[in-house]
Amino acid sequence: MRYRKLDENGDYVFGRQQADFWRDVPEAPAQAVWTRLQMQYGEWFLDTTDGTPWKTRVLGKYTGSTRDPVIRARILGTEGVTEVVSYFSDLDRNTRKFFGQAEIDTIYGRTTVQGPI
């Protein structure tokens, strides 16, 4: 699996040729997971049925029972991911922040995906 790296701002990295890509390492599917989670449902014009339904099934008022299954399904549906080993999430309604962390097995090894969303 070859996946272009992102910088700390979430922009594509350019200018270093092959060093700009993850290639057959756990970080490639991990970045793919992060990218898939960031994409809002209906955002991609070529497939408006793809994306994470943040507003309706993750962050809404009555989403306690759907939040984690939706995120886990998005993770497992990512190319290269074989298993979610462990998963943790925290929604702070006062600050309106959602934090997620998942340890995943990939076809290249185990890695962790985490961060505020």
Protein backbone atom coordinates (compact mmCIF):
# COMPACT_ATOMS: atom_id res chain seq x y z
CA MET A 1 0.00 0.00 0.00
CA ARG A 2 1.34 3.38 -0.98
CA TYR A 3 -0.15 6.44 0.70
CA ARG A 4 0.95 10.06 0.46
CA LYS A 5 2.03 11.50 3.81
CA LEU A 6 0.29 14.46 5.42
CA ASP A 7 2.05 17.25 7.31
CA GLU A 8 1.03 18.55 10.75
CA ASN A 9 -1.63 20.75 9.11
CA GLY A 10 -3.21 17.85 7.25
CA ASP A 11 -1.87 18.92 3.84
CA TYR A 12 -0.14 16.62 1.35
CA VAL A 13 3.66 16.51 1.56
CA PHE A 14 5.54 17.25 -1.67
CA GLY A 15 9.13 17.76 -2.80
CA ARG A 16 10.96 14.70 -1.48
CA GLN A 17 9.89 12.21 -4.16
CA GLN A 18 9.43 8.70 -2.68
CA ALA A 19 10.02 10.00 0.88
CA ASP A 20 6.63 11.74 0.55
CA PHE A 21 4.84 8.37 0.77
CA TRP A 22 4.16 5.69 3.34
CA ARG A 23 4.91 2.39 1.62
CA ASP A 24 3.95 -1.01 3.10
CA VAL A 25 4.15 0.18 6.72
CA PRO A 26 1.44 0.35 9.43
CA GLU A 27 1.37 4.15 9.15
CA ALA A 28 -0.22 3.93 5.68
CA PRO A 29 -3.49 2.31 6.79
CA ALA A 30 -3.41 4.41 9.98
CA GLN A 31 -3.37 7.60 7.95
CA ALA A 32 -6.09 6.18 5.70
CA VAL A 33 -8.22 5.59 8.82
CA TRP A 34 -7.66 9.16 9.98
CA THR A 35 -8.55 10.52 6.54
CA ARG A 36 -11.72 8.39 6.34
CA LEU A 37 -12.85 9.54 9.78
CA GLN A 38 -12.34 13.19 8.86
CA MET A 39 -14.50 13.00 5.74
CA GLN A 40 -18.08 14.14 6.42
CA TYR A 41 -20.93 12.03 5.10
CA GLY A 42 -21.88 13.24 1.61
CA GLU A 43 -18.78 15.44 1.24
CA TRP A 44 -17.16 13.58 -1.66
CA PHE A 45 -18.91 14.55 -4.88
CA LEU A 46 -18.13 11.24 -6.63
CA ASP A 47 -19.86 9.21 -3.90
CA THR A 48 -22.24 11.17 -1.70
CA THR A 49 -23.07 8.00 0.27
CA ASP A 50 -19.53 7.81 1.67
CA GLY A 51 -18.18 9.56 4.75
CA THR A 52 -18.59 9.59 8.52
CA PRO A 53 -22.09 10.67 9.61
CA TRP A 54 -20.77 12.97 12.36
CA LYS A 55 -23.86 15.17 12.64
CA THR A 56 -26.48 12.43 12.65
CA ARG A 57 -24.93 9.30 14.21
CA VAL A 58 -21.85 10.41 16.17
CA LEU A 59 -22.14 13.88 17.72
CA GLY A 60 -25.90 14.39 17.95
CA LYS A 61 -27.85 14.57 21.19
CA TYR A 62 -29.20 11.00 21.03
CA THR A 63 -26.22 9.24 19.47
CA GLY A 64 -24.83 7.44 22.52
CA SER A 65 -25.76 4.01 21.14
CA THR A 66 -24.53 4.62 17.57
CA ARG A 67 -21.36 6.69 18.12
CA ASP A 68 -18.78 3.98 18.75
CA PRO A 69 -20.18 1.34 16.35
CA VAL A 70 -20.14 3.88 13.50
CA ILE A 71 -16.53 4.85 14.17
CA ARG A 72 -15.40 1.24 14.57
CA ALA A 73 -17.12 0.33 11.27
CA ARG A 74 -15.33 3.20 9.47
CA ILE A 75 -12.02 1.98 10.88
CA LEU A 76 -12.64 -1.64 9.89
CA GLY A 77 -13.77 -0.59 6.42
CA THR A 78 -10.41 1.00 5.70
CA GLU A 79 -8.12 -0.75 3.23
CA GLY A 80 -5.31 -2.56 5.03
CA VAL A 81 -7.00 -2.74 8.44
CA THR A 82 -7.62 -6.28 9.66
CA GLU A 83 -8.78 -5.75 13.26
CA VAL A 84 -9.54 -3.15 15.91
CA VAL A 85 -7.55 -4.45 18.88
CA SER A 86 -8.70 -1.80 21.34
CA TYR A 87 -10.87 1.29 21.11
CA PHE A 88 -11.58 4.24 23.39
CA SER A 89 -13.58 7.42 22.84
CA ASP A 90 -14.55 10.39 24.94
CA LEU A 91 -17.12 13.06 24.14
CA ASP A 92 -16.93 16.21 26.27
CA ARG A 93 -20.23 17.99 25.73
CA ASN A 94 -19.07 21.09 27.65
CA THR A 95 -16.12 21.77 25.33
CA ARG A 96 -17.81 20.05 22.36
CA LYS A 97 -14.72 17.94 21.69
CA PHE A 98 -14.54 14.31 20.68
CA PHE A 99 -11.38 12.28 21.26
CA GLY A 100 -10.84 8.84 19.84
CA GLN A 101 -8.09 6.27 20.12
CA ALA A 102 -7.86 2.90 18.42
CA GLU A 103 -5.13 0.31 18.35
CA ILE A 104 -5.42 -1.48 15.02
CA ASP A 105 -3.88 -4.48 13.34
CA THR A 106 -3.00 -3.87 9.71
CA ILE A 107 -1.60 -6.10 7.01
CA TYR A 108 1.79 -4.50 7.86
CA GLY A 109 1.66 -4.66 11.67
CA ARG A 110 0.03 -3.00 14.65
CA THR A 111 -0.30 0.76 15.15
CA THR A 112 -2.37 3.34 17.02
CA VAL A 113 -4.64 6.04 15.62
CA GLN A 114 -5.64 8.79 18.02
CA GLY A 115 -6.57 12.41 18.27
CA PRO A 116 -9.29 14.99 18.66
CA ILE A 117 -11.87 15.10 15.95
